[in-house]
């Protein structure tokens, strides 16, 4: 029994030493930061902002028409018959529904474009991360935003290197 205990202890110690010698290497990347700070990310943001301003301009024009319609109704309602009032209210309601539909479609268009940019960039960024991980002999690379990292050595942060390589690759 004593021999069994000593052999088991020896195997445990040797296994621990072997594990310590081949410790897994782990790194992390702040993908959100790469998406915002890379050249491609900045170009995408400019395009997205342009789309947002176009949509806001269209929406503001329709909103102004709605407000003018409402003000005209309030001004003239004392001179209108009940039938005219109902007709104007119905027209206003239809215009308000069309306006709300326009707002929802604008949001969907912006979200769709943002998703397209993100998906395309993420696919490209993943190839950059994979190449960098192989070069630096990392076994695992996490997204810093998706994982609660309580401690990480600064040397493990690949974000700036990923931005630099992604920028170089996307010239």
Protein backbone atom coordinates (compact mmCIF):
# COMPACT_ATOMS: atom_id res chain seq x y z
CA UNK A 1 0.00 0.00 0.00
CA UNK A 2 2.87 2.34 0.86
CA UNK A 3 4.48 1.69 -2.55
CA UNK A 4 1.20 2.43 -4.29
CA UNK A 5 0.92 5.76 -2.46
CA UNK A 6 4.52 6.76 -3.36
CA UNK A 7 4.06 5.77 -7.03
CA UNK A 8 0.76 7.68 -7.21
CA UNK A 9 2.37 10.76 -5.65
CA UNK A 10 5.30 10.55 -8.05
CA UNK A 11 2.94 10.29 -11.06
CA UNK A 12 0.93 13.25 -9.78
CA UNK A 13 4.05 15.41 -9.34
CA UNK A 14 5.42 14.49 -12.78
CA UNK A 15 2.07 15.14 -14.44
CA UNK A 16 1.89 18.54 -12.70
CA UNK A 17 5.38 19.42 -13.90
CA UNK A 18 4.54 18.40 -17.46
CA UNK A 19 1.37 20.49 -17.37
CA UNK A 20 3.28 23.50 -16.02
CA UNK A 21 5.82 23.16 -18.83
CA UNK A 22 3.07 23.30 -21.48
CA UNK A 23 0.89 25.94 -19.92
CA UNK A 24 -1.80 27.14 -22.33
CA UNK A 25 -1.17 30.62 -23.70
CA UNK A 26 -4.17 32.91 -23.68
CA UNK A 27 -4.72 36.36 -25.18
CA UNK A 28 -7.62 38.71 -25.67
CA UNK A 29 -8.80 41.31 -28.15
CA UNK A 30 -11.26 44.14 -27.63
CA UNK A 31 -13.25 43.60 -30.85
CA UNK A 32 -15.42 46.63 -30.17
CA UNK A 33 -12.32 48.82 -30.10
CA UNK A 34 -10.98 47.22 -33.30
CA UNK A 35 -14.30 47.85 -35.05
CA UNK A 36 -14.24 51.52 -34.00
CA UNK A 37 -10.56 52.43 -34.25
CA UNK A 38 -9.42 50.59 -37.38
CA UNK A 39 -9.34 52.39 -40.74
CA UNK A 40 -12.16 50.20 -42.03
CA UNK A 41 -14.16 50.83 -38.86
CA UNK A 42 -13.72 54.60 -39.20
CA UNK A 43 -14.76 54.45 -42.88
CA UNK A 44 -17.80 52.37 -41.97
CA UNK A 45 -18.75 54.85 -39.25
CA UNK A 46 -18.56 57.76 -41.71
CA UNK A 47 -20.80 55.87 -44.16
CA UNK A 48 -23.21 54.92 -41.40
CA UNK A 49 -23.35 58.50 -40.10
CA UNK A 50 -24.07 59.71 -43.64
CA UNK A 51 -26.94 57.22 -43.94
CA UNK A 52 -28.29 58.28 -40.54
CA UNK A 53 -28.24 61.97 -41.53
CA UNK A 54 -30.08 61.19 -44.77
CA UNK A 55 -32.76 59.26 -42.90
CA UNK A 56 -33.04 61.95 -40.21
CA UNK A 57 -33.48 64.61 -42.88
CA UNK A 58 -36.32 62.69 -44.55
CA UNK A 59 -37.97 62.03 -41.20
CA UNK A 60 -37.64 65.67 -40.13
CA UNK A 61 -39.38 66.76 -43.35
CA UNK A 62 -42.29 64.41 -42.75
CA UNK A 63 -42.50 65.45 -39.11
CA UNK A 64 -42.72 69.11 -40.16
CA UNK A 65 -45.57 68.23 -42.55
CA UNK A 66 -47.39 66.45 -39.73
CA UNK A 67 -46.99 69.40 -37.38
CA UNK A 68 -48.19 71.83 -40.06
CA UNK A 69 -51.20 69.61 -40.71
CA UNK A 70 -52.03 69.48 -37.01
CA UNK A 71 -51.67 73.25 -36.58
CA UNK A 72 -53.91 73.91 -39.60
CA UNK A 73 -56.53 71.57 -38.18
CA UNK A 74 -56.46 73.26 -34.77
CA UNK A 75 -56.72 76.68 -36.39
CA UNK A 76 -59.62 75.80 -38.70
CA UNK A 77 -61.55 73.26 -36.64
CA UNK A 78 -64.06 75.81 -35.34
CA UNK A 79 -65.08 76.59 -38.93
CA UNK A 80 -65.40 72.92 -39.99
CA UNK A 81 -68.40 70.65 -39.97
CA UNK A 82 -68.23 67.38 -38.07
CA UNK A 83 -67.77 65.48 -41.34
CA UNK A 84 -64.87 67.74 -42.34
CA UNK A 85 -63.29 67.28 -38.93
CA UNK A 86 -63.53 63.50 -39.22
CA UNK A 87 -62.04 63.63 -42.71
CA UNK A 88 -59.10 65.78 -41.57
CA UNK A 89 -58.52 63.60 -38.51
CA UNK A 90 -58.54 60.49 -40.68
CA UNK A 91 -56.06 62.08 -43.11
CA UNK A 92 -53.84 63.09 -40.19
CA UNK A 93 -54.00 59.57 -38.72
CA UNK A 94 -52.98 58.04 -42.06
CA UNK A 95 -50.11 60.51 -42.38
CA UNK A 96 -49.00 59.76 -38.78
CA UNK A 97 -49.04 56.01 -39.49
CA UNK A 98 -47.01 56.52 -42.67
CA UNK A 99 -44.56 58.64 -40.67
CA UNK A 100 -44.17 55.92 -38.01
CA UNK A 101 -43.64 53.32 -40.73
CA UNK A 102 -40.96 55.55 -42.28
CA UNK A 103 -39.20 55.89 -38.90
CA UNK A 104 -39.24 52.11 -38.37
CA UNK A 105 -37.94 51.43 -41.88
CA UNK A 106 -35.15 53.99 -41.38
CA UNK A 107 -34.09 52.27 -38.16
CA UNK A 108 -34.14 48.89 -39.90
CA UNK A 109 -32.06 50.23 -42.80
CA UNK A 110 -29.45 51.68 -40.44
CA UNK A 111 -29.32 48.50 -38.35
CA UNK A 112 -29.03 46.35 -41.47
CA UNK A 113 -26.15 48.44 -42.83
CA UNK A 114 -24.42 48.39 -39.44
CA UNK A 115 -24.78 44.60 -39.29
CA UNK A 116 -23.41 44.23 -42.82
CA UNK A 117 -20.36 46.31 -41.92
CA UNK A 118 -19.81 44.43 -38.66
CA UNK A 119 -20.20 40.96 -40.19
CA UNK A 120 -17.81 41.72 -43.04
CA UNK A 121 -15.25 43.27 -40.69
CA UNK A 122 -15.52 40.45 -38.13
CA UNK A 123 -14.78 37.84 -40.76
CA UNK A 124 -11.66 39.75 -41.81
CA UNK A 125 -10.62 40.47 -38.23
CA UNK A 126 -10.91 36.80 -37.27
CA UNK A 127 -8.35 35.88 -39.94
CA UNK A 128 -5.99 38.57 -38.60
CA UNK A 129 -6.48 37.32 -35.03
CA UNK A 130 -5.89 33.71 -36.06
CA UNK A 131 -2.63 34.59 -37.84
CA UNK A 132 -1.45 36.70 -34.90
CA UNK A 133 -2.36 33.96 -32.43
CA UNK A 134 -0.35 31.41 -34.39
CA UNK A 135 2.64 33.77 -34.58
CA UNK A 136 2.60 34.47 -30.86
CA UNK A 137 1.85 30.81 -30.07
CA UNK A 138 -1.43 31.47 -28.29
CA UNK A 139 -3.82 28.59 -27.72
CA UNK A 140 -6.91 30.70 -27.03
CA UNK A 141 -7.90 34.31 -27.80
CA UNK A 142 -10.97 35.81 -26.16
CA UNK A 143 -13.03 38.88 -26.95
CA UNK A 144 -12.46 41.12 -23.95
CA UNK A 145 -16.05 42.43 -24.07
CA UNK A 146 -17.74 39.04 -24.13
CA UNK A 147 -15.75 37.54 -21.32
CA UNK A 148 -15.44 38.88 -17.83
CA UNK A 149 -11.69 39.24 -17.51
CA UNK A 150 -10.76 39.89 -13.91
CA UNK A 151 -7.06 40.00 -14.59
CA UNK A 152 -5.01 39.94 -17.73
CA UNK A 153 -1.36 40.74 -18.23
CA UNK A 154 -0.89 43.70 -20.58
CA UNK A 155 1.25 41.52 -22.84
CA UNK A 156 -1.79 39.38 -23.59
CA UNK A 157 -3.79 42.25 -25.14
CA UNK A 158 -3.60 41.85 -28.91
CA UNK A 159 -6.04 44.68 -29.73
CA UNK A 160 -3.52 47.25 -31.01
CA UNK A 161 -1.63 44.67 -33.07
CA UNK A 162 -4.91 43.48 -34.58
CA UNK A 163 -5.86 47.08 -35.48
CA UNK A 164 -2.45 47.64 -37.10
CA UNK A 165 -2.56 44.43 -39.14
CA UNK A 166 -6.20 44.90 -40.10
CA UNK A 167 -5.38 48.43 -41.29
CA UNK A 168 -2.39 47.14 -43.28
CA UNK A 169 -4.45 44.33 -44.80
CA UNK A 170 -7.35 46.61 -45.80
CA UNK A 171 -5.41 49.35 -47.62
